[in-house]
Amino acid sequence: MAQAMRPNTAGGLFATDGKSHPLQDALLAVTLMLGITSFITAMFHHLHLLSSWTGLVGILTGAYGQWISVTTRERFGLVLGLGAAAVGFFLGMAHGGLFGGLLD
């Protein structure tokens, strides 16, 4: 029962390998926030500029985060953020796009 007395030495909430990953955690947080913002603002037709741009940036940061991610927990959160960002991006594009109404 020696393993029951071992302290938890994990570096953070998203580090399952016992090491800290500050860049990956930051990309995860940014992707989730951009995805949530894009998804929520896509429900309003007049906010298509915000939803499309935050969705596009969320897709790019999520893709880079997936490329350099180390643990499964990071990848899981990034997939959720990427999905929300993609839905917000596509709905924003359908409502007017990245420059809709600005170039008229």
PDB file of N, CA and C in Angstrom:
ATOM      1  N   MET A   1       0.818  -1.197   0.000  1.00  0.00           N
ATOM      2  CA  MET A   1       0.000   0.000   0.000  1.00  0.00           C
ATOM      3  C   MET A   1       0.861   1.260   0.000  1.00  0.00           C
ATOM      4  N   ALA A   2       2.073   1.156  -0.439  1.00  0.00           N
ATOM      5  CA  ALA A   2       2.950   2.322  -0.491  1.00  0.00           C
ATOM      6  C   ALA A   2       2.433   3.355  -1.484  1.00  0.00           C
ATOM      7  N   GLN A   3       1.768   2.921  -2.548  1.00  0.00           N
ATOM      8  CA  GLN A   3       1.281   3.863  -3.544  1.00  0.00           C
ATOM      9  C   GLN A   3       0.171   4.754  -2.991  1.00  0.00           C
ATOM     10  N   ALA A   4      -0.527   4.330  -1.959  1.00  0.00           N
ATOM     11  CA  ALA A   4      -1.585   5.144  -1.377  1.00  0.00           C
ATOM     12  C   ALA A   4      -1.027   6.339  -0.625  1.00  0.00           C
ATOM     13  N   MET A   5       0.212   6.286  -0.227  1.00  0.00           N
ATOM     14  CA  MET A   5       0.817   7.367   0.540  1.00  0.00           C
ATOM     15  C   MET A   5       1.583   8.351  -0.343  1.00  0.00           C
ATOM     16  N   ARG A   6       1.659   8.090  -1.634  1.00  0.00           N
ATOM     17  CA  ARG A   6       2.384   8.976  -2.534  1.00  0.00           C
ATOM     18  C   ARG A   6       1.613  10.270  -2.760  1.00  0.00           C
ATOM     19  N   PRO A   7       2.265  11.427  -2.659  1.00  0.00           N
ATOM     20  CA  PRO A   7       1.559  12.688  -2.921  1.00  0.00           C
ATOM     21  C   PRO A   7       1.322  12.869  -4.418  1.00  0.00           C
ATOM     22  N   ASN A   8       0.315  13.655  -4.740  1.00  0.00           N
ATOM     23  CA  ASN A   8       0.013  13.979  -6.125  1.00  0.00           C
ATOM     24  C   ASN A   8       1.001  15.029  -6.604  1.00  0.00           C
ATOM     25  N   THR A   9       1.856  14.679  -7.559  1.00  0.00           N
ATOM     26  CA  THR A   9       2.885  15.600  -8.031  1.00  0.00           C
ATOM     27  C   THR A   9       2.582  16.149  -9.411  1.00  0.00           C
ATOM     28  N   ALA A  10       1.346  16.032  -9.866  1.00  0.00           N
ATOM     29  CA  ALA A  10       0.986  16.538 -11.190  1.00  0.00           C
ATOM     30  C   ALA A  10       1.186  18.046 -11.234  1.00  0.00           C
ATOM     31  N   GLY A  11       1.680  18.527 -12.379  1.00  0.00           N
ATOM     32  CA  GLY A  11       1.998  19.937 -12.530  1.00  0.00           C
ATOM     33  C   GLY A  11       0.789  20.836 -12.662  1.00  0.00           C
ATOM     34  N   GLY A  12      -0.336  20.335 -13.040  1.00  0.00           N
ATOM     35  CA  GLY A  12      -1.516  21.160 -13.202  1.00  0.00           C
ATOM     36  C   GLY A  12      -2.731  20.311 -13.527  1.00  0.00           C
ATOM     37  N   LEU A  13      -3.828  20.978 -13.736  1.00  0.00           N
ATOM     38  CA  LEU A  13      -5.078  20.288 -13.997  1.00  0.00           C
ATOM     39  C   LEU A  13      -5.040  19.518 -15.313  1.00  0.00           C
ATOM     40  N   PHE A  14      -4.386  20.052 -16.327  1.00  0.00           N
ATOM     41  CA  PHE A  14      -4.385  19.433 -17.642  1.00  0.00           C
ATOM     42  C   PHE A  14      -3.123  18.636 -17.923  1.00  0.00           C
ATOM     43  N   ALA A  15      -2.231  18.504 -16.961  1.00  0.00           N
ATOM     44  CA  ALA A  15      -0.992  17.765 -17.167  1.00  0.00           C
ATOM     45  C   ALA A  15      -1.121  16.388 -16.534  1.00  0.00           C
ATOM     46  N   THR A  16      -1.384  15.377 -17.337  1.00  0.00           N
ATOM     47  CA  THR A  16      -1.530  14.033 -16.805  1.00  0.00           C
ATOM     48  C   THR A  16      -0.214  13.274 -16.806  1.00  0.00           C
ATOM     49  N   ASP A  17       0.844  13.872 -17.315  1.00  0.00           N
ATOM     50  CA  ASP A  17       2.138  13.217 -17.323  1.00  0.00           C
ATOM     51  C   ASP A  17       3.049  13.721 -16.201  1.00  0.00           C
ATOM     52  N   GLY A  18       2.540  14.548 -15.325  1.00  0.00           N
ATOM     53  CA  GLY A  18       3.309  15.034 -14.191  1.00  0.00           C
ATOM     54  C   GLY A  18       4.142  16.263 -14.494  1.00  0.00           C
ATOM     55  N   LYS A  19       4.049  16.801 -15.696  1.00  0.00           N
ATOM     56  CA  LYS A  19       4.810  17.992 -16.073  1.00  0.00           C
ATOM     57  C   LYS A  19       3.839  19.128 -16.371  1.00  0.00           C
ATOM     58  N   SER A  20       4.320  20.341 -16.228  1.00  0.00           N
ATOM     59  CA  SER A  20       3.467  21.486 -16.553  1.00  0.00           C
ATOM     60  C   SER A  20       3.638  21.837 -18.030  1.00  0.00           C
ATOM     61  N   HIS A  21       2.551  22.262 -18.645  1.00  0.00           N
ATOM     62  CA  HIS A  21       2.544  22.640 -20.057  1.00  0.00           C
ATOM     63  C   HIS A  21       1.874  24.001 -20.185  1.00  0.00           C
ATOM     64  N   PRO A  22       2.578  25.079 -19.872  1.00  0.00           N
ATOM     65  CA  PRO A  22       1.921  26.394 -19.854  1.00  0.00           C
ATOM     66  C   PRO A  22       1.461  26.868 -21.237  1.00  0.00           C
ATOM     67  N   LEU A  23       2.228  26.605 -22.289  1.00  0.00           N
ATOM     68  CA  LEU A  23       1.818  27.044 -23.618  1.00  0.00           C
ATOM     69  C   LEU A  23       0.573  26.289 -24.083  1.00  0.00           C
ATOM     70  N   GLN A  24       0.570  24.994 -23.871  1.00  0.00           N
ATOM     71  CA  GLN A  24      -0.579  24.191 -24.281  1.00  0.00           C
ATOM     72  C   GLN A  24      -1.830  24.558 -23.478  1.00  0.00           C
ATOM     73  N   ASP A  25      -1.661  24.824 -22.187  1.00  0.00           N
ATOM     74  CA  ASP A  25      -2.797  25.227 -21.361  1.00  0.00           C
ATOM     75  C   ASP A  25      -3.331  26.594 -21.779  1.00  0.00           C
ATOM     76  N   ALA A  26      -2.431  27.499 -22.148  1.00  0.00           N
ATOM     77  CA  ALA A  26      -2.865  28.816 -22.611  1.00  0.00           C
ATOM     78  C   ALA A  26      -3.619  28.710 -23.931  1.00  0.00           C
ATOM     79  N   LEU A  27      -3.117  27.886 -24.848  1.00  0.00           N
ATOM     80  CA  LEU A  27      -3.814  27.694 -26.117  1.00  0.00           C
ATOM     81  C   LEU A  27      -5.174  27.039 -25.903  1.00  0.00           C
ATOM     82  N   LEU A  28      -5.250  26.127 -24.958  1.00  0.00           N
ATOM     83  CA  LEU A  28      -6.528  25.496 -24.628  1.00  0.00           C
ATOM     84  C   LEU A  28      -7.518  26.531 -24.115  1.00  0.00           C
ATOM     85  N   ALA A  29      -7.093  27.374 -23.202  1.00  0.00           N
ATOM     86  CA  ALA A  29      -7.988  28.394 -22.641  1.00  0.00           C
ATOM     87  C   ALA A  29      -8.426  29.392 -23.707  1.00  0.00           C
ATOM     88  N   VAL A  30      -7.507  29.824 -24.544  1.00  0.00           N
ATOM     89  CA  VAL A  30      -7.842  30.790 -25.601  1.00  0.00           C
ATOM     90  C   VAL A  30      -8.806  30.168 -26.601  1.00  0.00           C
ATOM     91  N   THR A  31      -8.553  28.920 -26.993  1.00  0.00           N
ATOM     92  CA  THR A  31      -9.429  28.252 -27.952  1.00  0.00           C
ATOM     93  C   THR A  31     -10.830  28.069 -27.379  1.00  0.00           C
ATOM     94  N   LEU A  32     -10.924  27.672 -26.116  1.00  0.00           N
ATOM     95  CA  LEU A  32     -12.241  27.511 -25.506  1.00  0.00           C
ATOM     96  C   LEU A  32     -12.988  28.840 -25.427  1.00  0.00           C
ATOM     97  N   MET A  33     -12.302  29.903 -25.036  1.00  0.00           N
ATOM     98  CA  MET A  33     -12.965  31.205 -24.922  1.00  0.00           C
ATOM     99  C   MET A  33     -13.404  31.725 -26.289  1.00  0.00           C
ATOM    100  N   LEU A  34     -12.540  31.582 -27.295  1.00  0.00           N
ATOM    101  CA  LEU A  34     -12.918  32.022 -28.632  1.00  0.00           C
ATOM    102  C   LEU A  34     -14.054  31.175 -29.196  1.00  0.00           C
ATOM    103  N   GLY A  35     -14.014  29.886 -28.933  1.00  0.00           N
ATOM    104  CA  GLY A  35     -15.080  29.005 -29.403  1.00  0.00           C
ATOM    105  C   GLY A  35     -16.416  29.327 -28.771  1.00  0.00           C
ATOM    106  N   ILE A  36     -16.417  29.551 -27.470  1.00  0.00           N
ATOM    107  CA  ILE A  36     -17.660  29.900 -26.777  1.00  0.00           C
ATOM    108  C   ILE A  36     -18.196  31.238 -27.264  1.00  0.00           C
ATOM    109  N   THR A  37     -17.303  32.218 -27.414  1.00  0.00           N
ATOM    110  CA  THR A  37     -17.719  33.537 -27.902  1.00  0.00           C
ATOM    111  C   THR A  37     -18.285  33.442 -29.313  1.00  0.00           C
ATOM    112  N   SER A  38     -17.605  32.717 -30.172  1.00  0.00           N
ATOM    113  CA  SER A  38     -18.066  32.575 -31.547  1.00  0.00           C
ATOM    114  C   SER A  38     -19.399  31.843 -31.621  1.00  0.00           C
ATOM    115  N   PHE A  39     -19.542  30.799 -30.837  1.00  0.00           N
ATOM    116  CA  PHE A  39     -20.781  30.015 -30.850  1.00  0.00           C
ATOM    117  C   PHE A  39     -21.966  30.841 -30.358  1.00  0.00           C
ATOM    118  N   ILE A  40     -21.781  31.575 -29.284  1.00  0.00           N
ATOM    119  CA  ILE A  40     -22.882  32.368 -28.721  1.00  0.00           C
ATOM    120  C   ILE A  40     -23.249  33.530 -29.623  1.00  0.00           C
ATOM    121  N   THR A  41     -22.243  34.238 -30.149  1.00  0.00           N
ATOM    122  CA  THR A  41     -22.551  35.395 -30.991  1.00  0.00           C
ATOM    123  C   THR A  41     -23.092  34.989 -32.356  1.00  0.00           C
ATOM    124  N   ALA A  42     -22.885  33.746 -32.755  1.00  0.00           N
ATOM    125  CA  ALA A  42     -23.425  33.286 -34.042  1.00  0.00           C
ATOM    126  C   ALA A  42     -24.940  33.162 -34.000  1.00  0.00           C
ATOM    127  N   MET A  43     -25.519  33.136 -32.822  1.00  0.00           N
ATOM    128  CA  MET A  43     -26.971  33.032 -32.698  1.00  0.00           C
ATOM    129  C   MET A  43     -27.675  34.352 -32.995  1.00  0.00           C
ATOM    130  N   PHE A  44     -26.913  35.421 -33.110  1.00  0.00           N
ATOM    131  CA  PHE A  44     -27.461  36.742 -33.388  1.00  0.00           C
ATOM    132  C   PHE A  44     -26.984  37.197 -34.762  1.00  0.00           C
ATOM    133  N   HIS A  45     -27.920  37.451 -35.654  1.00  0.00           N
ATOM    134  CA  HIS A  45     -27.593  37.743 -37.042  1.00  0.00           C
ATOM    135  C   HIS A  45     -26.704  38.972 -37.197  1.00  0.00           C
ATOM    136  N   HIS A  46     -26.936  39.985 -36.405  1.00  0.00           N
ATOM    137  CA  HIS A  46     -26.187  41.228 -36.555  1.00  0.00           C
ATOM    138  C   HIS A  46     -24.775  41.170 -35.958  1.00  0.00           C
ATOM    139  N   LEU A  47     -24.397  40.080 -35.313  1.00  0.00           N
ATOM    140  CA  LEU A  47     -23.050  39.927 -34.759  1.00  0.00           C
ATOM    141  C   LEU A  47     -22.178  38.998 -35.607  1.00  0.00           C
ATOM    142  N   HIS A  48     -22.467  38.952 -36.909  1.00  0.00           N
ATOM    143  CA  HIS A  48     -21.748  38.020 -37.772  1.00  0.00           C
ATOM    144  C   HIS A  48     -20.269  38.349 -37.894  1.00  0.00           C
ATOM    145  N   LEU A  49     -19.904  39.616 -37.794  1.00  0.00           N
ATOM    146  CA  LEU A  49     -18.477  39.961 -37.859  1.00  0.00           C
ATOM    147  C   LEU A  49     -17.716  39.385 -36.668  1.00  0.00           C
ATOM    148  N   LEU A  50     -18.284  39.539 -35.482  1.00  0.00           N
ATOM    149  CA  LEU A  50     -17.638  39.011 -34.284  1.00  0.00           C
ATOM    150  C   LEU A  50     -17.585  37.485 -34.308  1.00  0.00           C
ATOM    151  N   SER A  51     -18.673  36.850 -34.677  1.00  0.00           N
ATOM    152  CA  SER A  51     -18.688  35.387 -34.666  1.00  0.00           C
ATOM    153  C   SER A  51     -17.762  34.805 -35.723  1.00  0.00           C
ATOM    154  N   SER A  52     -17.705  35.401 -36.897  1.00  0.00           N
ATOM    155  CA  SER A  52     -16.847  34.845 -37.938  1.00  0.00           C
ATOM    156  C   SER A  52     -15.371  35.057 -37.620  1.00  0.00           C
ATOM    157  N   TRP A  53     -15.002  36.217 -37.117  1.00  0.00           N
ATOM    158  CA  TRP A  53     -13.581  36.456 -36.809  1.00  0.00           C
ATOM    159  C   TRP A  53     -13.120  35.668 -35.592  1.00  0.00           C
ATOM    160  N   THR A  54     -13.926  35.620 -34.526  1.00  0.00           N
ATOM    161  CA  THR A  54     -13.508  34.824 -33.369  1.00  0.00           C
ATOM    162  C   THR A  54     -13.495  33.347 -33.712  1.00  0.00           C
ATOM    163  N   GLY A  55     -14.395  32.911 -34.577  1.00  0.00           N
ATOM    164  CA  GLY A  55     -14.388  31.524 -35.020  1.00  0.00           C
ATOM    165  C   GLY A  55     -13.137  31.191 -35.816  1.00  0.00           C
ATOM    166  N   LEU A  56     -12.744  32.086 -36.714  1.00  0.00           N
ATOM    167  CA  LEU A  56     -11.552  31.854 -37.524  1.00  0.00           C
ATOM    168  C   LEU A  56     -10.295  31.805 -36.663  1.00  0.00           C
ATOM    169  N   VAL A  57     -10.161  32.752 -35.749  1.00  0.00           N
ATOM    170  CA  VAL A  57      -8.993  32.762 -34.865  1.00  0.00           C
ATOM    171  C   VAL A  57      -9.021  31.559 -33.932  1.00  0.00           C
ATOM    172  N   GLY A  58     -10.209  31.170 -33.469  1.00  0.00           N
ATOM    173  CA  GLY A  58     -10.334  29.984 -32.623  1.00  0.00           C
ATOM    174  C   GLY A  58      -9.944  28.708 -33.350  1.00  0.00           C
ATOM    175  N   ILE A  59     -10.295  28.611 -34.625  1.00  0.00           N
ATOM    176  CA  ILE A  59      -9.900  27.444 -35.415  1.00  0.00           C
ATOM    177  C   ILE A  59      -8.383  27.398 -35.566  1.00  0.00           C
ATOM    178  N   LEU A  60      -7.778  28.535 -35.832  1.00  0.00           N
ATOM    179  CA  LEU A  60      -6.321  28.567 -36.013  1.00  0.00           C
ATOM    180  C   LEU A  60      -5.570  28.263 -34.725  1.00  0.00           C
ATOM    181  N   THR A  61      -5.996  28.854 -33.610  1.00  0.00           N
ATOM    182  CA  THR A  61      -5.306  28.568 -32.345  1.00  0.00           C
ATOM    183  C   THR A  61      -5.556  27.131 -31.904  1.00  0.00           C
ATOM    184  N   GLY A  62      -6.749  26.619 -32.149  1.00  0.00           N
ATOM    185  CA  GLY A  62      -7.036  25.232 -31.801  1.00  0.00           C
ATOM    186  C   GLY A  62      -6.245  24.248 -32.636  1.00  0.00           C
ATOM    187  N   ALA A  63      -6.070  24.556 -33.914  1.00  0.00           N
ATOM    188  CA  ALA A  63      -5.278  23.669 -34.779  1.00  0.00           C
ATOM    189  C   ALA A  63      -3.818  23.651 -34.339  1.00  0.00           C
ATOM    190  N   TYR A  64      -3.277  24.814 -34.012  1.00  0.00           N
ATOM    191  CA  TYR A  64      -1.897  24.849 -33.519  1.00  0.00           C
ATOM    192  C   TYR A  64      -1.786  24.149 -32.166  1.00  0.00           C
ATOM    193  N   GLY A  65      -2.776  24.325 -31.321  1.00  0.00           N
ATOM    194  CA  GLY A  65      -2.781  23.644 -30.026  1.00  0.00           C
ATOM    195  C   GLY A  65      -2.839  22.135 -30.183  1.00  0.00           C
ATOM    196  N   GLN A  66      -3.616  21.653 -31.136  1.00  0.00           N
ATOM    197  CA  GLN A  66      -3.661  20.212 -31.405  1.00  0.00           C
ATOM    198  C   GLN A  66      -2.307  19.710 -31.887  1.00  0.00           C
ATOM    199  N   TRP A  67      -1.632  20.518 -32.665  1.00  0.00           N
ATOM    200  CA  TRP A  67      -0.342  20.124 -33.228  1.00  0.00           C
ATOM    201  C   TRP A  67       0.715  19.948 -32.145  1.00  0.00           C
ATOM    202  N   ILE A  68       0.693  20.817 -31.127  1.00  0.00           N
ATOM    203  CA  ILE A  68       1.728  20.750 -30.094  1.00  0.00           C
ATOM    204  C   ILE A  68       1.226  20.163 -28.780  1.00  0.00           C
ATOM    205  N   SER A  69      -0.022  19.694 -28.726  1.00  0.00           N
ATOM    206  CA  SER A  69      -0.557  19.169 -27.470  1.00  0.00           C
ATOM    207  C   SER A  69       0.180  17.896 -27.058  1.00  0.00           C
ATOM    208  N   VAL A  70       0.187  17.666 -25.747  1.00  0.00           N
ATOM    209  CA  VAL A  70       0.944  16.545 -25.193  1.00  0.00           C
ATOM    210  C   VAL A  70       0.017  15.518 -24.561  1.00  0.00           C
ATOM    211  N   THR A  71      -1.000  15.961 -23.853  1.00  0.00           N
ATOM    212  CA  THR A  71      -1.842  15.038 -23.100  1.00  0.00           C
ATOM    213  C   THR A  71      -3.230  14.919 -23.719  1.00  0.00           C
ATOM    214  N   THR A  72      -3.913  13.883 -23.332  1.00  0.00           N
ATOM    215  CA  THR A  72      -5.260  13.622 -23.832  1.00  0.00           C
ATOM    216  C   THR A  72      -6.247  14.673 -23.340  1.00  0.00           C
ATOM    217  N   ARG A  73      -6.077  15.130 -22.122  1.00  0.00           N
ATOM    218  CA  ARG A  73      -6.981  16.168 -21.598  1.00  0.00           C
ATOM    219  C   ARG A  73      -6.882  17.452 -22.397  1.00  0.00           C
ATOM    220  N   GLU A  74      -5.677  17.829 -22.800  1.00  0.00           N
ATOM    221  CA  GLU A  74      -5.523  19.020 -23.632  1.00  0.00           C
ATOM    222  C   GLU A  74      -6.238  18.831 -24.958  1.00  0.00           C
ATOM    223  N   ARG A  75      -6.058  17.678 -25.565  1.00  0.00           N
ATOM    224  CA  ARG A  75      -6.682  17.418 -26.861  1.00  0.00           C
ATOM    225  C   ARG A  75      -8.205  17.402 -26.761  1.00  0.00           C
ATOM    226  N   PHE A  76      -8.732  16.861 -25.673  1.00  0.00           N
ATOM    227  CA  PHE A  76     -10.173  16.822 -25.479  1.00  0.00           C
ATOM    228  C   PHE A  76     -10.745  18.239 -25.410  1.00  0.00           C
ATOM    229  N   GLY A  77     -10.146  19.097 -24.603  1.00  0.00           N
ATOM    230  CA  GLY A  77     -10.608  20.478 -24.504  1.00  0.00           C
ATOM    231  C   GLY A  77     -10.450  21.238 -25.804  1.00  0.00           C
ATOM    232  N   LEU A  78      -9.357  20.973 -26.515  1.00  0.00           N
ATOM    233  CA  LEU A  78      -9.146  21.648 -27.787  1.00  0.00           C
ATOM    234  C   LEU A  78     -10.180  21.228 -28.828  1.00  0.00           C
ATOM    235  N   VAL A  79     -10.569  19.972 -28.825  1.00  0.00           N
ATOM    236  CA  VAL A  79     -11.593  19.520 -29.767  1.00  0.00           C
ATOM    237  C   VAL A  79     -12.930  20.188 -29.466  1.00  0.00           C
ATOM    238  N   LEU A  80     -13.262  20.348 -28.194  1.00  0.00           N
ATOM    239  CA  LEU A  80     -14.502  21.057 -27.842  1.00  0.00           C
ATOM    240  C   LEU A  80     -14.450  22.511 -28.306  1.00  0.00           C
ATOM    241  N   GLY A  81     -13.333  23.180 -28.048  1.00  0.00           N
ATOM    242  CA  GLY A  81     -13.182  24.562 -28.483  1.00  0.00           C
ATOM    243  C   GLY A  81     -13.183  24.698 -29.991  1.00  0.00           C
ATOM    244  N   LEU A  82     -12.514  23.768 -30.673  1.00  0.00           N
ATOM    245  CA  LEU A  82     -12.497  23.793 -32.134  1.00  0.00           C
ATOM    246  C   LEU A  82     -13.893  23.592 -32.710  1.00  0.00           C
ATOM    247  N   GLY A  83     -14.646  22.689 -32.144  1.00  0.00           N
ATOM    248  CA  GLY A  83     -16.004  22.449 -32.628  1.00  0.00           C
ATOM    249  C   GLY A  83     -16.887  23.671 -32.474  1.00  0.00           C
ATOM    250  N   ALA A  84     -16.824  24.296 -31.308  1.00  0.00           N
ATOM    251  CA  ALA A  84     -17.631  25.498 -31.077  1.00  0.00           C
ATOM    252  C   ALA A  84     -17.184  26.642 -31.985  1.00  0.00           C
ATOM    253  N   ALA A  85     -15.878  26.782 -32.176  1.00  0.00           N
ATOM    254  CA  ALA A  85     -15.363  27.843 -33.048  1.00  0.00           C
ATOM    255  C   ALA A  85     -15.774  27.601 -34.491  1.00  0.00           C
ATOM    256  N   ALA A  86     -15.742  26.352 -34.934  1.00  0.00           N
ATOM    257  CA  ALA A  86     -16.119  26.045 -36.312  1.00  0.00           C
ATOM    258  C   ALA A  86     -17.597  26.304 -36.559  1.00  0.00           C
ATOM    259  N   VAL A  87     -18.441  25.907 -35.621  1.00  0.00           N
ATOM    260  CA  VAL A  87     -19.882  26.162 -35.777  1.00  0.00           C
ATOM    261  C   VAL A  87     -20.138  27.665 -35.805  1.00  0.00           C
ATOM    262  N   GLY A  88     -19.516  28.407 -34.894  1.00  0.00           N
ATOM    263  CA  GLY A  88     -19.674  29.864 -34.884  1.00  0.00           C
ATOM    264  C   GLY A  88     -19.137  30.509 -36.145  1.00  0.00           C
ATOM    265  N   PHE A  89     -18.008  30.013 -36.628  1.00  0.00           N
ATOM    266  CA  PHE A  89     -17.421  30.557 -37.856  1.00  0.00           C
ATOM    267  C   PHE A  89     -18.348  30.329 -39.048  1.00  0.00           C
ATOM    268  N   PHE A  90     -18.843  29.113 -39.213  1.00  0.00           N
ATOM    269  CA  PHE A  90     -19.691  28.817 -40.364  1.00  0.00           C
ATOM    270  C   PHE A  90     -21.026  29.558 -40.295  1.00  0.00           C
ATOM    271  N   LEU A  91     -21.609  29.676 -39.120  1.00  0.00           N
ATOM    272  CA  LEU A  91     -22.849  30.447 -39.003  1.00  0.00           C
ATOM    273  C   LEU A  91     -22.594  31.933 -39.237  1.00  0.00           C
ATOM    274  N   GLY A  92     -21.464  32.433 -38.762  1.00  0.00           N
ATOM    275  CA  GLY A  92     -21.103  33.826 -39.029  1.00  0.00           C
ATOM    276  C   GLY A  92     -20.887  34.082 -40.509  1.00  0.00           C
ATOM    277  N   MET A  93     -20.290  33.112 -41.199  1.00  0.00           N
ATOM    278  CA  MET A  93     -20.105  33.243 -42.647  1.00  0.00           C
ATOM    279  C   MET A  93     -21.454  33.210 -43.366  1.00  0.00           C
ATOM    280  N   ALA A  94     -22.371  32.395 -42.881  1.00  0.00           N
ATOM    281  CA  ALA A  94     -23.689  32.317 -43.505  1.00  0.00           C
ATOM    282  C   ALA A  94     -24.490  33.596 -43.279  1.00  0.00           C
ATOM    283  N   HIS A  95     -24.240  34.276 -42.182  1.00  0.00           N
ATOM    284  CA  HIS A  95     -24.994  35.497 -41.869  1.00  0.00           C
ATOM    285  C   HIS A  95     -24.406  36.749 -42.503  1.00  0.00           C
ATOM    286  N   GLY A  96     -23.226  36.672 -43.055  1.00  0.00           N
ATOM    287  CA  GLY A  96     -22.670  37.885 -43.691  1.00  0.00           C
ATOM    288  C   GLY A  96     -21.184  37.830 -43.909  1.00  0.00           C
ATOM    289  N   GLY A  97     -20.497  36.940 -43.247  1.00  0.00           N
ATOM    290  CA  GLY A  97     -19.075  36.748 -43.515  1.00  0.00           C
ATOM    291  C   GLY A  97     -18.152  37.644 -42.729  1.00  0.00           C
ATOM    292  N   LEU A  98     -16.893  37.571 -43.115  1.00  0.00           N
ATOM    293  CA  LEU A  98     -15.835  38.295 -42.413  1.00  0.00           C
ATOM    294  C   LEU A  98     -15.889  39.800 -42.667  1.00  0.00           C
ATOM    295  N   PHE A  99     -16.336  40.196 -43.853  1.00  0.00           N
ATOM    296  CA  PHE A  99     -16.389  41.610 -44.189  1.00  0.00           C
ATOM    297  C   PHE A  99     -17.777  42.054 -44.640  1.00  0.00           C
ATOM    298  N   GLY A 100     -18.789  41.273 -44.345  1.00  0.00           N
ATOM    299  CA  GLY A 100     -20.155  41.572 -44.784  1.00  0.00           C
ATOM    300  C   GLY A 100     -20.653  42.917 -44.294  1.00  0.00           C
ATOM    301  N   GLY A 101     -21.017  43.787 -45.216  1.00  0.00           N
ATOM    302  CA  GLY A 101     -21.542  45.102 -44.857  1.00  0.00           C
ATOM    303  C   GLY A 101     -20.488  46.170 -44.706  1.00  0.00           C
ATOM    304  N   LEU A 102     -19.204  45.784 -44.630  1.00  0.00           N
ATOM    305  CA  LEU A 102     -18.154  46.775 -44.467  1.00  0.00           C
ATOM    306  C   LEU A 102     -17.620  47.289 -45.781  1.00  0.00           C
ATOM    307  N   LEU A 103     -17.686  46.499 -46.826  1.00  0.00           N
ATOM    308  CA  LEU A 103     -17.099  46.859 -48.101  1.00  0.00           C
ATOM    309  C   LEU A 103     -18.129  47.391 -49.101  1.00  0.00           C
ATOM    310  N   ASP A 104     -19.327  47.658 -48.657  1.00  0.00           N
ATOM    311  CA  ASP A 104     -20.372  48.149 -49.567  1.00  0.00           C
ATOM    312  C   ASP A 104     -20.199  49.606 -49.894  1.00  0.00           C
TER     313      ASP A 104
END
